[in-house]
Amino acid sequence: MAFKAIQKLATTASFANWHQAQQAIEEIVDSLSGFRDVALFLGVKPDTVRLIEKQLDTCWQDNKGLLG
């Protein structure tokens, strides 16, 4: 998704400014960093964890430029 489109979505979501939206994105990234351990602890099958991690990694690669 284009950077300008993301900024417009941030405005639509009532973020006061782009920096505030970036902070929210960083919080989400931080919370997802422990996904594997939590998922395995909760009994999610390893194959399922790998599939989800693959999708999360693709999303990260596509959007890492949004972080400041």
PDB file of N, CA and C in Angstrom:
ATOM      1  N   MET A   1       0.860  -1.178   0.000  1.00  0.00           N
ATOM      2  CA  MET A   1       0.000   0.000   0.000  1.00  0.00           C
ATOM      3  C   MET A   1       0.902   1.236   0.000  1.00  0.00           C
ATOM      4  N   ALA A   2       0.546   2.219  -0.762  1.00  0.00           N
ATOM      5  CA  ALA A   2       1.355   3.429  -0.883  1.00  0.00           C
ATOM      6  C   ALA A   2       1.373   4.210   0.429  1.00  0.00           C
ATOM      7  N   PHE A   3       2.496   4.867   0.662  1.00  0.00           N
ATOM      8  CA  PHE A   3       2.701   5.629   1.895  1.00  0.00           C
ATOM      9  C   PHE A   3       1.613   6.679   2.088  1.00  0.00           C
ATOM     10  N   LYS A   4       1.263   7.389   1.034  1.00  0.00           N
ATOM     11  CA  LYS A   4       0.221   8.428   1.126  1.00  0.00           C
ATOM     12  C   LYS A   4      -1.120   7.816   1.534  1.00  0.00           C
ATOM     13  N   ALA A   5      -1.415   6.631   1.029  1.00  0.00           N
ATOM     14  CA  ALA A   5      -2.669   5.966   1.390  1.00  0.00           C
ATOM     15  C   ALA A   5      -2.682   5.598   2.870  1.00  0.00           C
ATOM     16  N   ILE A   6      -1.548   5.146   3.383  1.00  0.00           N
ATOM     17  CA  ILE A   6      -1.446   4.808   4.806  1.00  0.00           C
ATOM     18  C   ILE A   6      -1.628   6.062   5.656  1.00  0.00           C
ATOM     19  N   GLN A   7      -1.015   7.158   5.245  1.00  0.00           N
ATOM     20  CA  GLN A   7      -1.182   8.413   5.985  1.00  0.00           C
ATOM     21  C   GLN A   7      -2.651   8.848   5.988  1.00  0.00           C
ATOM     22  N   LYS A   8      -3.322   8.681   4.868  1.00  0.00           N
ATOM     23  CA  LYS A   8      -4.737   9.046   4.790  1.00  0.00           C
ATOM     24  C   LYS A   8      -5.570   8.159   5.716  1.00  0.00           C
ATOM     25  N   LEU A   9      -5.252   6.864   5.753  1.00  0.00           N
ATOM     26  CA  LEU A   9      -5.948   5.961   6.669  1.00  0.00           C
ATOM     27  C   LEU A   9      -5.722   6.366   8.120  1.00  0.00           C
ATOM     28  N   ALA A  10      -4.507   6.800   8.437  1.00  0.00           N
ATOM     29  CA  ALA A  10      -4.195   7.249   9.801  1.00  0.00           C
ATOM     30  C   ALA A  10      -5.053   8.454  10.173  1.00  0.00           C
ATOM     31  N   THR A  11      -5.214   9.364   9.241  1.00  0.00           N
ATOM     32  CA  THR A  11      -6.057  10.536   9.485  1.00  0.00           C
ATOM     33  C   THR A  11      -7.512  10.112   9.676  1.00  0.00           C
ATOM     34  N   THR A  12      -7.971   9.210   8.832  1.00  0.00           N
ATOM     35  CA  THR A  12      -9.338   8.703   8.937  1.00  0.00           C
ATOM     36  C   THR A  12      -9.567   8.003  10.276  1.00  0.00           C
ATOM     37  N   ALA A  13      -8.522   7.362  10.792  1.00  0.00           N
ATOM     38  CA  ALA A  13      -8.621   6.642  12.072  1.00  0.00           C
ATOM     39  C   ALA A  13      -8.485   7.584  13.266  1.00  0.00           C
ATOM     40  N   SER A  14      -8.459   8.868  12.996  1.00  0.00           N
ATOM     41  CA  SER A  14      -8.428   9.911  14.039  1.00  0.00           C
ATOM     42  C   SER A  14      -7.106  10.026  14.792  1.00  0.00           C
ATOM     43  N   PHE A  15      -6.007   9.624  14.157  1.00  0.00           N
ATOM     44  CA  PHE A  15      -4.704   9.920  14.748  1.00  0.00           C
ATOM     45  C   PHE A  15      -4.445  11.405  14.544  1.00  0.00           C
ATOM     46  N   ALA A  16      -3.896  12.058  15.552  1.00  0.00           N
ATOM     47  CA  ALA A  16      -3.654  13.500  15.474  1.00  0.00           C
ATOM     48  C   ALA A  16      -2.616  13.837  14.410  1.00  0.00           C
ATOM     49  N   ASN A  17      -1.643  12.945  14.229  1.00  0.00           N
ATOM     50  CA  ASN A  17      -0.587  13.172  13.242  1.00  0.00           C
ATOM     51  C   ASN A  17       0.062  11.842  12.873  1.00  0.00           C
ATOM     52  N   TRP A  18       0.934  11.888  11.871  1.00  0.00           N
ATOM     53  CA  TRP A  18       1.571  10.672  11.386  1.00  0.00           C
ATOM     54  C   TRP A  18       2.460  10.047  12.460  1.00  0.00           C
ATOM     55  N   HIS A  19       3.137  10.849  13.250  1.00  0.00           N
ATOM     56  CA  HIS A  19       4.008  10.319  14.308  1.00  0.00           C
ATOM     57  C   HIS A  19       3.203   9.472  15.295  1.00  0.00           C
ATOM     58  N   GLN A  20       2.019   9.923  15.641  1.00  0.00           N
ATOM     59  CA  GLN A  20       1.160   9.171  16.561  1.00  0.00           C
ATOM     60  C   GLN A  20       0.763   7.822  15.943  1.00  0.00           C
ATOM     61  N   ALA A  21       0.470   7.815  14.663  1.00  0.00           N
ATOM     62  CA  ALA A  21       0.132   6.567  13.973  1.00  0.00           C
ATOM     63  C   ALA A  21       1.332   5.627  13.950  1.00  0.00           C
ATOM     64  N   GLN A  22       2.525   6.173  13.703  1.00  0.00           N
ATOM     65  CA  GLN A  22       3.740   5.351  13.715  1.00  0.00           C
ATOM     66  C   GLN A  22       3.952   4.707  15.078  1.00  0.00           C
ATOM     67  N   GLN A  23       3.693   5.437  16.139  1.00  0.00           N
ATOM     68  CA  GLN A  23       3.837   4.878  17.487  1.00  0.00           C
ATOM     69  C   GLN A  23       2.890   3.692  17.679  1.00  0.00           C
ATOM     70  N   ALA A  24       1.678   3.817  17.193  1.00  0.00           N
ATOM     71  CA  ALA A  24       0.714   2.718  17.301  1.00  0.00           C
ATOM     72  C   ALA A  24       1.191   1.504  16.502  1.00  0.00           C
ATOM     73  N   ILE A  25       1.727   1.750  15.315  1.00  0.00           N
ATOM     74  CA  ILE A  25       2.255   0.661  14.489  1.00  0.00           C
ATOM     75  C   ILE A  25       3.405  -0.028  15.214  1.00  0.00           C
ATOM     76  N   GLU A  26       4.303   0.747  15.818  1.00  0.00           N
ATOM     77  CA  GLU A  26       5.432   0.176  16.547  1.00  0.00           C
ATOM     78  C   GLU A  26       4.962  -0.664  17.735  1.00  0.00           C
ATOM     79  N   GLU A  27       3.912  -0.232  18.417  1.00  0.00           N
ATOM     80  CA  GLU A  27       3.362  -1.011  19.534  1.00  0.00           C
ATOM     81  C   GLU A  27       2.820  -2.353  19.044  1.00  0.00           C
ATOM     82  N   ILE A  28       2.172  -2.343  17.900  1.00  0.00           N
ATOM     83  CA  ILE A  28       1.645  -3.586  17.330  1.00  0.00           C
ATOM     84  C   ILE A  28       2.791  -4.518  16.964  1.00  0.00           C
ATOM     85  N   VAL A  29       3.817  -3.984  16.323  1.00  0.00           N
ATOM     86  CA  VAL A  29       4.983  -4.789  15.954  1.00  0.00           C
ATOM     87  C   VAL A  29       5.620  -5.394  17.202  1.00  0.00           C
ATOM     88  N   ASP A  30       5.777  -4.588  18.250  1.00  0.00           N
ATOM     89  CA  ASP A  30       6.355  -5.086  19.500  1.00  0.00           C
ATOM     90  C   ASP A  30       5.517  -6.220  20.088  1.00  0.00           C
ATOM     91  N   SER A  31       4.209  -6.054  20.082  1.00  0.00           N
ATOM     92  CA  SER A  31       3.355  -7.091  20.671  1.00  0.00           C
ATOM     93  C   SER A  31       3.398  -8.384  19.859  1.00  0.00           C
ATOM     94  N   LEU A  32       3.584  -8.273  18.547  1.00  0.00           N
ATOM     95  CA  LEU A  32       3.643  -9.465  17.705  1.00  0.00           C
ATOM     96  C   LEU A  32       4.995 -10.168  17.763  1.00  0.00           C
ATOM     97  N   SER A  33       6.006  -9.500  18.287  1.00  0.00           N
ATOM     98  CA  SER A  33       7.341 -10.105  18.317  1.00  0.00           C
ATOM     99  C   SER A  33       7.389 -11.358  19.188  1.00  0.00           C
ATOM    100  N   GLY A  34       6.489 -11.484  20.142  1.00  0.00           N
ATOM    101  CA  GLY A  34       6.458 -12.666  20.993  1.00  0.00           C
ATOM    102  C   GLY A  34       5.410 -13.686  20.584  1.00  0.00           C
ATOM    103  N   PHE A  35       4.901 -13.564  19.371  1.00  0.00           N
ATOM    104  CA  PHE A  35       3.814 -14.426  18.917  1.00  0.00           C
ATOM    105  C   PHE A  35       4.143 -15.905  19.042  1.00  0.00           C
ATOM    106  N   ARG A  36       5.304 -16.313  18.552  1.00  0.00           N
ATOM    107  CA  ARG A  36       5.655 -17.737  18.507  1.00  0.00           C
ATOM    108  C   ARG A  36       5.584 -18.373  19.895  1.00  0.00           C
ATOM    109  N   ASP A  37       6.243 -17.757  20.858  1.00  0.00           N
ATOM    110  CA  ASP A  37       6.277 -18.321  22.207  1.00  0.00           C
ATOM    111  C   ASP A  37       4.879 -18.417  22.813  1.00  0.00           C
ATOM    112  N   VAL A  38       4.100 -17.369  22.646  1.00  0.00           N
ATOM    113  CA  VAL A  38       2.747 -17.364  23.210  1.00  0.00           C
ATOM    114  C   VAL A  38       1.879 -18.413  22.524  1.00  0.00           C
ATOM    115  N   ALA A  39       1.947 -18.471  21.208  1.00  0.00           N
ATOM    116  CA  ALA A  39       1.128 -19.429  20.463  1.00  0.00           C
ATOM    117  C   ALA A  39       1.468 -20.866  20.855  1.00  0.00           C
ATOM    118  N   LEU A  40       2.756 -21.182  20.924  1.00  0.00           N
ATOM    119  CA  LEU A  40       3.149 -22.538  21.309  1.00  0.00           C
ATOM    120  C   LEU A  40       2.735 -22.842  22.747  1.00  0.00           C
ATOM    121  N   PHE A  41       2.883 -21.867  23.632  1.00  0.00           N
ATOM    122  CA  PHE A  41       2.468 -22.044  25.025  1.00  0.00           C
ATOM    123  C   PHE A  41       0.974 -22.349  25.119  1.00  0.00           C
ATOM    124  N   LEU A  42       0.193 -21.714  24.260  1.00  0.00           N
ATOM    125  CA  LEU A  42      -1.259 -21.901  24.265  1.00  0.00           C
ATOM    126  C   LEU A  42      -1.701 -23.156  23.519  1.00  0.00           C
ATOM    127  N   GLY A  43      -0.745 -23.888  22.964  1.00  0.00           N
ATOM    128  CA  GLY A  43      -1.071 -25.150  22.315  1.00  0.00           C
ATOM    129  C   GLY A  43      -1.374 -25.080  20.837  1.00  0.00           C
ATOM    130  N   VAL A  44      -1.047 -23.979  20.203  1.00  0.00           N
ATOM    131  CA  VAL A  44      -1.236 -23.885  18.753  1.00  0.00           C
ATOM    132  C   VAL A  44      -0.236 -24.831  18.090  1.00  0.00           C
ATOM    133  N   LYS A  45      -0.695 -25.586  17.121  1.00  0.00           N
ATOM    134  CA  LYS A  45       0.161 -26.563  16.446  1.00  0.00           C
ATOM    135  C   LYS A  45       1.331 -25.853  15.766  1.00  0.00           C
ATOM    136  N   PRO A  46       2.530 -26.455  15.848  1.00  0.00           N
ATOM    137  CA  PRO A  46       3.717 -25.838  15.235  1.00  0.00           C
ATOM    138  C   PRO A  46       3.544 -25.506  13.753  1.00  0.00           C
ATOM    139  N   ASP A  47       2.861 -26.364  13.003  1.00  0.00           N
ATOM    140  CA  ASP A  47       2.636 -26.071  11.579  1.00  0.00           C
ATOM    141  C   ASP A  47       1.791 -24.812  11.399  1.00  0.00           C
ATOM    142  N   THR A  48       0.806 -24.647  12.253  1.00  0.00           N
ATOM    143  CA  THR A  48      -0.044 -23.457  12.198  1.00  0.00           C
ATOM    144  C   THR A  48       0.757 -22.216  12.566  1.00  0.00           C
ATOM    145  N   VAL A  49       1.601 -22.342  13.587  1.00  0.00           N
ATOM    146  CA  VAL A  49       2.457 -21.222  13.995  1.00  0.00           C
ATOM    147  C   VAL A  49       3.353 -20.806  12.833  1.00  0.00           C
ATOM    148  N   ARG A  50       3.948 -21.778  12.147  1.00  0.00           N
ATOM    149  CA  ARG A  50       4.821 -21.458  11.006  1.00  0.00           C
ATOM    150  C   ARG A  50       4.061 -20.738   9.897  1.00  0.00           C
ATOM    151  N   LEU A  51       2.851 -21.182   9.604  1.00  0.00           N
ATOM    152  CA  LEU A  51       2.046 -20.519   8.566  1.00  0.00           C
ATOM    153  C   LEU A  51       1.742 -19.072   8.947  1.00  0.00           C
ATOM    154  N   ILE A  52       1.370 -18.865  10.196  1.00  0.00           N
ATOM    155  CA  ILE A  52       1.066 -17.505  10.656  1.00  0.00           C
ATOM    156  C   ILE A  52       2.324 -16.654  10.642  1.00  0.00           C
ATOM    157  N   GLU A  53       3.452 -17.223  11.097  1.00  0.00           N
ATOM    158  CA  GLU A  53       4.714 -16.475  11.084  1.00  0.00           C
ATOM    159  C   GLU A  53       5.113 -16.087   9.666  1.00  0.00           C
ATOM    160  N   LYS A  54       4.885 -16.971   8.718  1.00  0.00           N
ATOM    161  CA  LYS A  54       5.203 -16.663   7.319  1.00  0.00           C
ATOM    162  C   LYS A  54       4.386 -15.464   6.840  1.00  0.00           C
ATOM    163  N   GLN A  55       3.100 -15.454   7.177  1.00  0.00           N
ATOM    164  CA  GLN A  55       2.236 -14.337   6.779  1.00  0.00           C
ATOM    165  C   GLN A  55       2.648 -13.048   7.477  1.00  0.00           C
ATOM    166  N   LEU A  56       2.974 -13.136   8.774  1.00  0.00           N
ATOM    167  CA  LEU A  56       3.425 -11.955   9.514  1.00  0.00           C
ATOM    168  C   LEU A  56       4.722 -11.409   8.930  1.00  0.00           C
ATOM    169  N   ASP A  57       5.632 -12.310   8.544  1.00  0.00           N
ATOM    170  CA  ASP A  57       6.896 -11.866   7.962  1.00  0.00           C
ATOM    171  C   ASP A  57       6.670 -11.164   6.625  1.00  0.00           C
ATOM    172  N   THR A  58       5.784 -11.699   5.818  1.00  0.00           N
ATOM    173  CA  THR A  58       5.455 -11.057   4.539  1.00  0.00           C
ATOM    174  C   THR A  58       4.893  -9.661   4.780  1.00  0.00           C
ATOM    175  N   CYS A  59       3.999  -9.557   5.740  1.00  0.00           N
ATOM    176  CA  CYS A  59       3.409  -8.260   6.081  1.00  0.00           C
ATOM    177  C   CYS A  59       4.490  -7.295   6.568  1.00  0.00           C
ATOM    178  N   TRP A  60       5.404  -7.784   7.402  1.00  0.00           N
ATOM    179  CA  TRP A  60       6.517  -6.965   7.914  1.00  0.00           C
ATOM    180  C   TRP A  60       7.377  -6.459   6.751  1.00  0.00           C
ATOM    181  N   GLN A  61       7.754  -7.363   5.841  1.00  0.00           N
ATOM    182  CA  GLN A  61       8.597  -6.978   4.709  1.00  0.00           C
ATOM    183  C   GLN A  61       7.906  -5.926   3.841  1.00  0.00           C
ATOM    184  N   ASP A  62       6.613  -6.082   3.652  1.00  0.00           N
ATOM    185  CA  ASP A  62       5.854  -5.145   2.819  1.00  0.00           C
ATOM    186  C   ASP A  62       5.689  -3.770   3.462  1.00  0.00           C
ATOM    187  N   ASN A  63       5.757  -3.704   4.795  1.00  0.00           N
ATOM    188  CA  ASN A  63       5.401  -2.465   5.491  1.00  0.00           C
ATOM    189  C   ASN A  63       6.466  -1.892   6.407  1.00  0.00           C
ATOM    190  N   LYS A  64       7.655  -2.477   6.445  1.00  0.00           N
ATOM    191  CA  LYS A  64       8.678  -2.012   7.389  1.00  0.00           C
ATOM    192  C   LYS A  64       9.089  -0.563   7.147  1.00  0.00           C
ATOM    193  N   GLY A  65       8.869  -0.063   5.966  1.00  0.00           N
ATOM    194  CA  GLY A  65       9.181   1.326   5.670  1.00  0.00           C
ATOM    195  C   GLY A  65       8.291   2.325   6.400  1.00  0.00           C
ATOM    196  N   LEU A  66       7.217   1.850   6.995  1.00  0.00           N
ATOM    197  CA  LEU A  66       6.308   2.745   7.717  1.00  0.00           C
ATOM    198  C   LEU A  66       6.843   3.137   9.086  1.00  0.00           C
ATOM    199  N   LEU A  67       7.815   2.394   9.568  1.00  0.00           N
ATOM    200  CA  LEU A  67       8.362   2.684  10.896  1.00  0.00           C
ATOM    201  C   LEU A  67       9.417   3.766  10.806  1.00  0.00           C
ATOM    202  N   GLY A  68       9.456   4.603  11.831  1.00  0.00           N
ATOM    203  CA  GLY A  68      10.366   5.742  11.825  1.00  0.00           C
ATOM    204  C   GLY A  68      11.699   5.484  12.309  1.00  0.00           C
TER     205      GLY A  68
END
